[in-house]
Structure formats: C-alpha cells, structure tokens
PDB file of all heavy atoms in Angstrom:
ATOM      1  N   GLN A   1       0.822  -1.247  -0.027  1.00  0.00           N
ATOM      2  CA  GLN A   1      -0.005   0.016   0.018  1.00  0.00           C
ATOM      3  C   GLN A   1       0.872   1.257   0.055  1.00  0.00           C
ATOM      4  O   GLN A   1       0.539   2.228  -0.661  1.00  0.00           O
ATOM      5  CB  GLN A   1      -0.931  -0.012   1.214  1.00  0.00           C
ATOM      6  CG  GLN A   1      -2.060  -0.993   1.047  1.00  0.00           C
ATOM      7  CD  GLN A   1      -2.952  -0.988   2.335  1.00  0.00           C
ATOM      8  OE1 GLN A   1      -2.553  -0.637   3.456  1.00  0.00           O
ATOM      9  NE2 GLN A   1      -4.180  -1.486   2.135  1.00  0.00           N
ATOM     10  N   VAL A   2       1.910   1.259   0.807  1.00  0.00           N
ATOM     11  CA  VAL A   2       2.802   2.362   0.803  1.00  0.00           C
ATOM     12  C   VAL A   2       3.475   2.601  -0.525  1.00  0.00           C
ATOM     13  O   VAL A   2       3.609   3.721  -1.035  1.00  0.00           O
ATOM     14  CB  VAL A   2       3.943   2.183   1.878  1.00  0.00           C
ATOM     15  CG1 VAL A   2       4.935   3.385   1.819  1.00  0.00           C
ATOM     16  CG2 VAL A   2       3.222   2.190   3.327  1.00  0.00           C
ATOM     17  N   LYS A   3       3.879   1.492  -1.199  1.00  0.00           N
ATOM     18  CA  LYS A   3       4.497   1.646  -2.495  1.00  0.00           C
ATOM     19  C   LYS A   3       3.538   2.176  -3.553  1.00  0.00           C
ATOM     20  O   LYS A   3       3.917   2.866  -4.435  1.00  0.00           O
ATOM     21  CB  LYS A   3       5.037   0.268  -2.960  1.00  0.00           C
ATOM     22  CG  LYS A   3       6.345  -0.126  -2.358  1.00  0.00           C
ATOM     23  CD  LYS A   3       7.519   0.596  -2.983  1.00  0.00           C
ATOM     24  CE  LYS A   3       8.867   0.089  -2.411  1.00  0.00           C
ATOM     25  NZ  LYS A   3      10.033   0.819  -3.095  1.00  0.00           N
ATOM     26  N   GLU A   4       2.303   1.760  -3.419  1.00  0.00           N
ATOM     27  CA  GLU A   4       1.269   2.246  -4.432  1.00  0.00           C
ATOM     28  C   GLU A   4       1.038   3.723  -4.266  1.00  0.00           C
ATOM     29  O   GLU A   4       0.808   4.485  -5.246  1.00  0.00           O
ATOM     30  CB  GLU A   4      -0.027   1.411  -4.176  1.00  0.00           C
ATOM     31  CG  GLU A   4       0.084  -0.026  -4.664  1.00  0.00           C
ATOM     32  CD  GLU A   4      -1.197  -0.847  -4.430  1.00  0.00           C
ATOM     33  OE1 GLU A   4      -2.030  -0.273  -3.617  1.00  0.00           O
ATOM     34  OE2 GLU A   4      -1.342  -1.972  -4.830  1.00  0.00           O
ATOM     35  N   GLN A   5       1.015   4.152  -3.005  1.00  0.00           N
ATOM     36  CA  GLN A   5       0.745   5.602  -2.724  1.00  0.00           C
ATOM     37  C   GLN A   5       1.970   6.427  -2.928  1.00  0.00           C
ATOM     38  O   GLN A   5       1.942   7.560  -3.418  1.00  0.00           O
ATOM     39  CB  GLN A   5       0.238   5.796  -1.276  1.00  0.00           C
ATOM     40  CG  GLN A   5      -1.183   5.565  -1.125  1.00  0.00           C
ATOM     41  CD  GLN A   5      -1.684   6.045   0.274  1.00  0.00           C
ATOM     42  OE1 GLN A   5      -1.448   5.356   1.292  1.00  0.00           O
ATOM     43  NE2 GLN A   5      -2.165   7.267   0.268  1.00  0.00           N
ATOM     44  N   PHE A   6       3.138   5.939  -2.593  1.00  0.00           N
ATOM     45  CA  PHE A   6       4.427   6.709  -2.677  1.00  0.00           C
ATOM     46  C   PHE A   6       5.492   5.851  -3.333  1.00  0.00           C
ATOM     47  O   PHE A   6       6.440   5.379  -2.725  1.00  0.00           O
ATOM     48  CB  PHE A   6       4.866   7.096  -1.263  1.00  0.00           C
ATOM     49  CG  PHE A   6       3.777   7.809  -0.418  1.00  0.00           C
ATOM     50  CD1 PHE A   6       3.108   7.121   0.530  1.00  0.00           C
ATOM     51  CD2 PHE A   6       3.471   9.158  -0.670  1.00  0.00           C
ATOM     52  CE1 PHE A   6       2.082   7.725   1.277  1.00  0.00           C
ATOM     53  CE2 PHE A   6       2.547   9.778   0.066  1.00  0.00           C
ATOM     54  CZ  PHE A   6       1.857   9.094   1.049  1.00  0.00           C
ATOM     55  N   PRO A   7       5.372   5.733  -4.718  1.00  0.00           N
ATOM     56  CA  PRO A   7       6.273   4.845  -5.371  1.00  0.00           C
ATOM     57  C   PRO A   7       7.721   5.350  -5.328  1.00  0.00           C
ATOM     58  O   PRO A   7       8.683   4.533  -5.573  1.00  0.00           O
ATOM     59  CB  PRO A   7       5.735   4.804  -6.823  1.00  0.00           C
ATOM     60  CG  PRO A   7       4.920   6.109  -6.946  1.00  0.00           C
ATOM     61  CD  PRO A   7       4.343   6.268  -5.629  1.00  0.00           C
ATOM     62  N   HIS A   8       7.937   6.592  -5.011  1.00  0.00           N
ATOM     63  CA  HIS A   8       9.349   7.090  -4.944  1.00  0.00           C
ATOM     64  C   HIS A   8       9.998   6.683  -3.703  1.00  0.00           C
ATOM     65  O   HIS A   8      11.276   6.854  -3.521  1.00  0.00           O
ATOM     66  CB  HIS A   8       9.318   8.641  -5.020  1.00  0.00           C
ATOM     67  CG  HIS A   8       8.678   9.303  -3.898  1.00  0.00           C
ATOM     68  ND1 HIS A   8       7.228   9.299  -3.750  1.00  0.00           N
ATOM     69  CD2 HIS A   8       9.193   9.893  -2.809  1.00  0.00           C
ATOM     70  CE1 HIS A   8       6.976   9.992  -2.627  1.00  0.00           C
ATOM     71  NE2 HIS A   8       8.107  10.305  -2.063  1.00  0.00           N
ATOM     72  N   LEU A   9       9.298   6.203  -2.650  1.00  0.00           N
ATOM     73  CA  LEU A   9       9.878   5.917  -1.376  1.00  0.00           C
ATOM     74  C   LEU A   9      10.643   4.661  -1.427  1.00  0.00           C
ATOM     75  O   LEU A   9      10.158   3.690  -2.013  1.00  0.00           O
ATOM     76  CB  LEU A   9       8.840   5.832  -0.237  1.00  0.00           C
ATOM     77  CG  LEU A   9       8.364   7.177   0.458  1.00  0.00           C
ATOM     78  CD1 LEU A   9       7.303   6.798   1.475  1.00  0.00           C
ATOM     79  CD2 LEU A   9       9.498   7.998   1.013  1.00  0.00           C
ATOM     80  N   LYS A  10      11.761   4.546  -0.690  1.00  0.00           N
ATOM     81  CA  LYS A  10      12.436   3.306  -0.376  1.00  0.00           C
ATOM     82  C   LYS A  10      11.924   2.831   0.946  1.00  0.00           C
ATOM     83  O   LYS A  10      11.667   3.640   1.832  1.00  0.00           O
ATOM     84  CB  LYS A  10      13.943   3.511  -0.321  1.00  0.00           C
ATOM     85  CG  LYS A  10      14.621   3.813  -1.690  1.00  0.00           C
ATOM     86  CD  LYS A  10      16.083   3.880  -1.440  1.00  0.00           C
ATOM     87  CE  LYS A  10      16.777   4.274  -2.781  1.00  0.00           C
ATOM     88  NZ  LYS A  10      18.319   4.480  -2.671  1.00  0.00           N
ATOM     89  N   ILE A  11      11.677   1.529   1.019  1.00  0.00           N
ATOM     90  CA  ILE A  11      11.010   1.012   2.224  1.00  0.00           C
ATOM     91  C   ILE A  11      11.843  -0.160   2.791  1.00  0.00           C
ATOM     92  O   ILE A  11      12.214  -1.083   2.156  1.00  0.00           O
ATOM     93  CB  ILE A  11       9.641   0.459   1.942  1.00  0.00           C
ATOM     94  CG1 ILE A  11       8.707   1.577   1.447  1.00  0.00           C
ATOM     95  CG2 ILE A  11       8.985  -0.169   3.173  1.00  0.00           C
ATOM     96  CD1 ILE A  11       7.346   1.130   1.009  1.00  0.00           C
ATOM     97  N   GLY A  12      12.193  -0.033   4.165  1.00  0.00           N
ATOM     98  CA  GLY A  12      12.792  -1.067   4.922  1.00  0.00           C
ATOM     99  C   GLY A  12      11.709  -1.800   5.733  1.00  0.00           C
ATOM    100  O   GLY A  12      10.718  -1.131   6.203  1.00  0.00           O
ATOM    101  N   LYS A  13      12.063  -3.029   6.122  1.00  0.00           N
ATOM    102  CA  LYS A  13      11.068  -3.790   6.926  1.00  0.00           C
ATOM    103  C   LYS A  13      11.753  -4.610   7.973  1.00  0.00           C
ATOM    104  O   LYS A  13      12.786  -5.265   7.654  1.00  0.00           O
ATOM    105  CB  LYS A  13      10.230  -4.677   6.028  1.00  0.00           C
ATOM    106  CG  LYS A  13       9.074  -5.506   6.780  1.00  0.00           C
ATOM    107  CD  LYS A  13       7.884  -4.585   6.974  1.00  0.00           C
ATOM    108  CE  LYS A  13       6.710  -5.384   7.402  1.00  0.00           C
ATOM    109  NZ  LYS A  13       5.527  -4.604   7.611  1.00  0.00           N
ATOM    110  N   SER A  14      11.277  -4.537   9.201  1.00  0.00           N
ATOM    111  CA  SER A  14      11.866  -5.441  10.256  1.00  0.00           C
ATOM    112  C   SER A  14      11.319  -6.781  10.038  1.00  0.00           C
ATOM    113  O   SER A  14      10.104  -7.014   9.906  1.00  0.00           O
ATOM    114  CB  SER A  14      11.470  -4.861  11.642  1.00  0.00           C
ATOM    115  OG  SER A  14      12.071  -3.558  11.899  1.00  0.00           O
ATOM    116  N   VAL A  15      12.168  -7.765  10.172  1.00  0.00           N
ATOM    117  CA  VAL A  15      11.825  -9.167  10.104  1.00  0.00           C
ATOM    118  C   VAL A  15      12.517 -10.020  11.113  1.00  0.00           C
ATOM    119  O   VAL A  15      13.583  -9.615  11.689  1.00  0.00           O
ATOM    120  CB  VAL A  15      12.062  -9.774   8.706  1.00  0.00           C
ATOM    121  CG1 VAL A  15      11.327  -9.043   7.663  1.00  0.00           C
ATOM    122  CG2 VAL A  15      13.580  -9.781   8.383  1.00  0.00           C
ATOM    123  N   HIS A  16      11.998 -11.210  11.425  1.00  0.00           N
ATOM    124  CA  HIS A  16      12.660 -11.983  12.523  1.00  0.00           C
ATOM    125  C   HIS A  16      12.890 -13.438  11.974  1.00  0.00           C
ATOM    126  O   HIS A  16      13.373 -14.291  12.823  1.00  0.00           O
ATOM    127  CB  HIS A  16      11.742 -12.085  13.732  1.00  0.00           C
ATOM    128  CG  HIS A  16      11.548 -10.734  14.389  1.00  0.00           C
ATOM    129  ND1 HIS A  16      10.584  -9.780  14.068  1.00  0.00           N
ATOM    130  CD2 HIS A  16      12.313 -10.091  15.300  1.00  0.00           C
ATOM    131  CE1 HIS A  16      10.715  -8.730  14.778  1.00  0.00           C
ATOM    132  NE2 HIS A  16      11.815  -8.880  15.564  1.00  0.00           N
ATOM    133  N   ASP A  17      12.640 -13.665  10.727  1.00  0.00           N
ATOM    134  CA  ASP A  17      12.969 -14.974  10.185  1.00  0.00           C
ATOM    135  C   ASP A  17      12.955 -14.947   8.637  1.00  0.00           C
ATOM    136  O   ASP A  17      12.672 -13.890   8.006  1.00  0.00           O
ATOM    137  CB  ASP A  17      11.908 -16.021  10.616  1.00  0.00           C
ATOM    138  CG  ASP A  17      10.509 -15.666  10.406  1.00  0.00           C
ATOM    139  OD1 ASP A  17      10.227 -14.964   9.406  1.00  0.00           O
ATOM    140  OD2 ASP A  17       9.598 -16.098  11.192  1.00  0.00           O
ATOM    141  N   TYR A  18      13.324 -16.051   8.035  1.00  0.00           N
ATOM    142  CA  TYR A  18      13.472 -16.071   6.595  1.00  0.00           C
ATOM    143  C   TYR A  18      12.093 -15.829   5.930  1.00  0.00           C
ATOM    144  O   TYR A  18      12.016 -15.054   4.907  1.00  0.00           O
ATOM    145  CB  TYR A  18      14.051 -17.394   6.066  1.00  0.00           C
ATOM    146  CG  TYR A  18      13.967 -17.594   4.618  1.00  0.00           C
ATOM    147  CD1 TYR A  18      14.672 -16.720   3.699  1.00  0.00           C
ATOM    148  CD2 TYR A  18      12.977 -18.519   4.088  1.00  0.00           C
ATOM    149  CE1 TYR A  18      14.525 -16.972   2.334  1.00  0.00           C
ATOM    150  CE2 TYR A  18      12.855 -18.769   2.701  1.00  0.00           C
ATOM    151  CZ  TYR A  18      13.633 -17.851   1.906  1.00  0.00           C
ATOM    152  OH  TYR A  18      13.506 -18.038   0.499  1.00  0.00           O
ATOM    153  N   ALA A  19      11.028 -16.465   6.445  1.00  0.00           N
ATOM    154  CA  ALA A  19       9.692 -16.341   5.875  1.00  0.00           C
ATOM    155  C   ALA A  19       9.272 -14.824   5.807  1.00  0.00           C
ATOM    156  O   ALA A  19       8.721 -14.325   4.796  1.00  0.00           O
ATOM    157  CB  ALA A  19       8.708 -17.174   6.660  1.00  0.00           C
ATOM    158  N   GLY A  20       9.535 -14.129   6.958  1.00  0.00           N
ATOM    159  CA  GLY A  20       9.125 -12.693   6.937  1.00  0.00           C
ATOM    160  C   GLY A  20       9.971 -11.886   5.982  1.00  0.00           C
ATOM    161  O   GLY A  20       9.370 -10.971   5.315  1.00  0.00           O
ATOM    162  N   ALA A  21      11.229 -12.226   5.801  1.00  0.00           N
ATOM    163  CA  ALA A  21      12.042 -11.523   4.813  1.00  0.00           C
ATOM    164  C   ALA A  21      11.591 -11.800   3.388  1.00  0.00           C
ATOM    165  O   ALA A  21      11.503 -10.863   2.580  1.00  0.00           O
ATOM    166  CB  ALA A  21      13.471 -11.992   4.984  1.00  0.00           C
ATOM    167  N   LYS A  22      11.268 -12.980   3.087  1.00  0.00           N
ATOM    168  CA  LYS A  22      10.792 -13.355   1.752  1.00  0.00           C
ATOM    169  C   LYS A  22       9.528 -12.608   1.434  1.00  0.00           C
ATOM    170  O   LYS A  22       9.265 -12.139   0.307  1.00  0.00           O
ATOM    171  CB  LYS A  22      10.626 -14.883   1.716  1.00  0.00           C
ATOM    172  CG  LYS A  22      10.250 -15.379   0.226  1.00  0.00           C
ATOM    173  CD  LYS A  22      10.147 -16.939   0.231  1.00  0.00           C
ATOM    174  CE  LYS A  22       9.838 -17.356  -1.237  1.00  0.00           C
ATOM    175  NZ  LYS A  22       9.743 -18.906  -1.263  1.00  0.00           N
ATOM    176  N   GLU A  23       8.660 -12.638   2.417  1.00  0.00           N
ATOM    177  CA  GLU A  23       7.328 -11.968   2.169  1.00  0.00           C
ATOM    178  C   GLU A  23       7.588 -10.476   1.956  1.00  0.00           C
ATOM    179  O   GLU A  23       6.918  -9.805   1.101  1.00  0.00           O
ATOM    180  CB  GLU A  23       6.442 -12.129   3.432  1.00  0.00           C
ATOM    181  CG  GLU A  23       5.057 -11.500   3.202  1.00  0.00           C
ATOM    182  CD  GLU A  23       4.216 -11.661   4.434  1.00  0.00           C
ATOM    183  OE1 GLU A  23       4.649 -12.237   5.473  1.00  0.00           O
ATOM    184  OE2 GLU A  23       2.975 -11.319   4.340  1.00  0.00           O
ATOM    185  N   ALA A  24       8.429  -9.848   2.735  1.00  0.00           N
ATOM    186  CA  ALA A  24       8.729  -8.429   2.608  1.00  0.00           C
ATOM    187  C   ALA A  24       9.274  -8.084   1.246  1.00  0.00           C
ATOM    188  O   ALA A  24       8.890  -7.149   0.566  1.00  0.00           O
ATOM    189  CB  ALA A  24       9.747  -8.023   3.681  1.00  0.00           C
ATOM    190  N   GLU A  25      10.201  -8.932   0.774  1.00  0.00           N
ATOM    191  CA  GLU A  25      10.737  -8.776  -0.683  1.00  0.00           C
ATOM    192  C   GLU A  25       9.653  -8.845  -1.688  1.00  0.00           C
ATOM    193  O   GLU A  25       9.555  -8.074  -2.650  1.00  0.00           O
ATOM    194  CB  GLU A  25      11.832  -9.737  -0.927  1.00  0.00           C
ATOM    195  CG  GLU A  25      12.470  -9.459  -2.315  1.00  0.00           C
ATOM    196  CD  GLU A  25      13.521 -10.546  -2.663  1.00  0.00           C
ATOM    197  OE1 GLU A  25      13.244 -11.714  -2.693  1.00  0.00           O
ATOM    198  OE2 GLU A  25      14.647 -10.081  -2.922  1.00  0.00           O
ATOM    199  N   HIS A  26       8.758  -9.842  -1.429  1.00  0.00           N
ATOM    200  CA  HIS A  26       7.696 -10.085  -2.426  1.00  0.00           C
ATOM    201  C   HIS A  26       6.748  -8.901  -2.559  1.00  0.00           C
ATOM    202  O   HIS A  26       6.241  -8.533  -3.589  1.00  0.00           O
ATOM    203  CB  HIS A  26       6.870 -11.347  -1.963  1.00  0.00           C
ATOM    204  CG  HIS A  26       5.683 -11.581  -2.841  1.00  0.00           C
ATOM    205  ND1 HIS A  26       5.697 -12.064  -4.103  1.00  0.00           N
ATOM    206  CD2 HIS A  26       4.285 -11.387  -2.590  1.00  0.00           C
ATOM    207  CE1 HIS A  26       4.519 -12.179  -4.613  1.00  0.00           C
ATOM    208  NE2 HIS A  26       3.631 -11.782  -3.703  1.00  0.00           N
ATOM    209  N   HIS A  27       6.507  -8.231  -1.452  1.00  0.00           N
ATOM    210  CA  HIS A  27       5.692  -7.051  -1.483  1.00  0.00           C
ATOM    211  C   HIS A  27       6.320  -5.687  -1.810  1.00  0.00           C
ATOM    212  O   HIS A  27       5.700  -4.695  -1.846  1.00  0.00           O
ATOM    213  CB  HIS A  27       5.004  -6.867  -0.035  1.00  0.00           C
ATOM    214  CG  HIS A  27       3.962  -7.954   0.190  1.00  0.00           C
ATOM    215  ND1 HIS A  27       2.836  -8.153  -0.565  1.00  0.00           N
ATOM    216  CD2 HIS A  27       3.889  -8.917   1.161  1.00  0.00           C
ATOM    217  CE1 HIS A  27       2.161  -9.141  -0.090  1.00  0.00           C
ATOM    218  NE2 HIS A  27       2.694  -9.633   0.963  1.00  0.00           N
ATOM    219  N   GLY A  28       7.616  -5.746  -2.064  1.00  0.00           N
ATOM    220  CA  GLY A  28       8.282  -4.598  -2.545  1.00  0.00           C
ATOM    221  C   GLY A  28       9.297  -3.926  -1.639  1.00  0.00           C
ATOM    222  O   GLY A  28       9.747  -2.725  -1.929  1.00  0.00           O
ATOM    223  N   ALA A  29       9.634  -4.528  -0.517  1.00  0.00           N
ATOM    224  CA  ALA A  29      10.687  -3.946   0.424  1.00  0.00           C
ATOM    225  C   ALA A  29      11.970  -3.720  -0.345  1.00  0.00           C
ATOM    226  O   ALA A  29      12.348  -4.566  -1.242  1.00  0.00           O
ATOM    227  CB  ALA A  29      10.893  -4.808   1.624  1.00  0.00           C
TER     228      ALA A  29
END
C-alpha cells in the first residue's frame, strides 16, 4: 500500500525470520 501511494519511497522492513524476509521482498521492500 505504501509503494502504491508513494512509489518514490524506499522501504525497509523489520523481520525475524526467513519467511518474513521473503514476504517483505515479495511485497516490494
């Protein structure tokens, strides 16, 4: 949602395992 509204922004995401990291990348982190 953030990427759709603000495509110019770079986004980082806190994760605690591989699954969370994979999901974050999939959604555009």
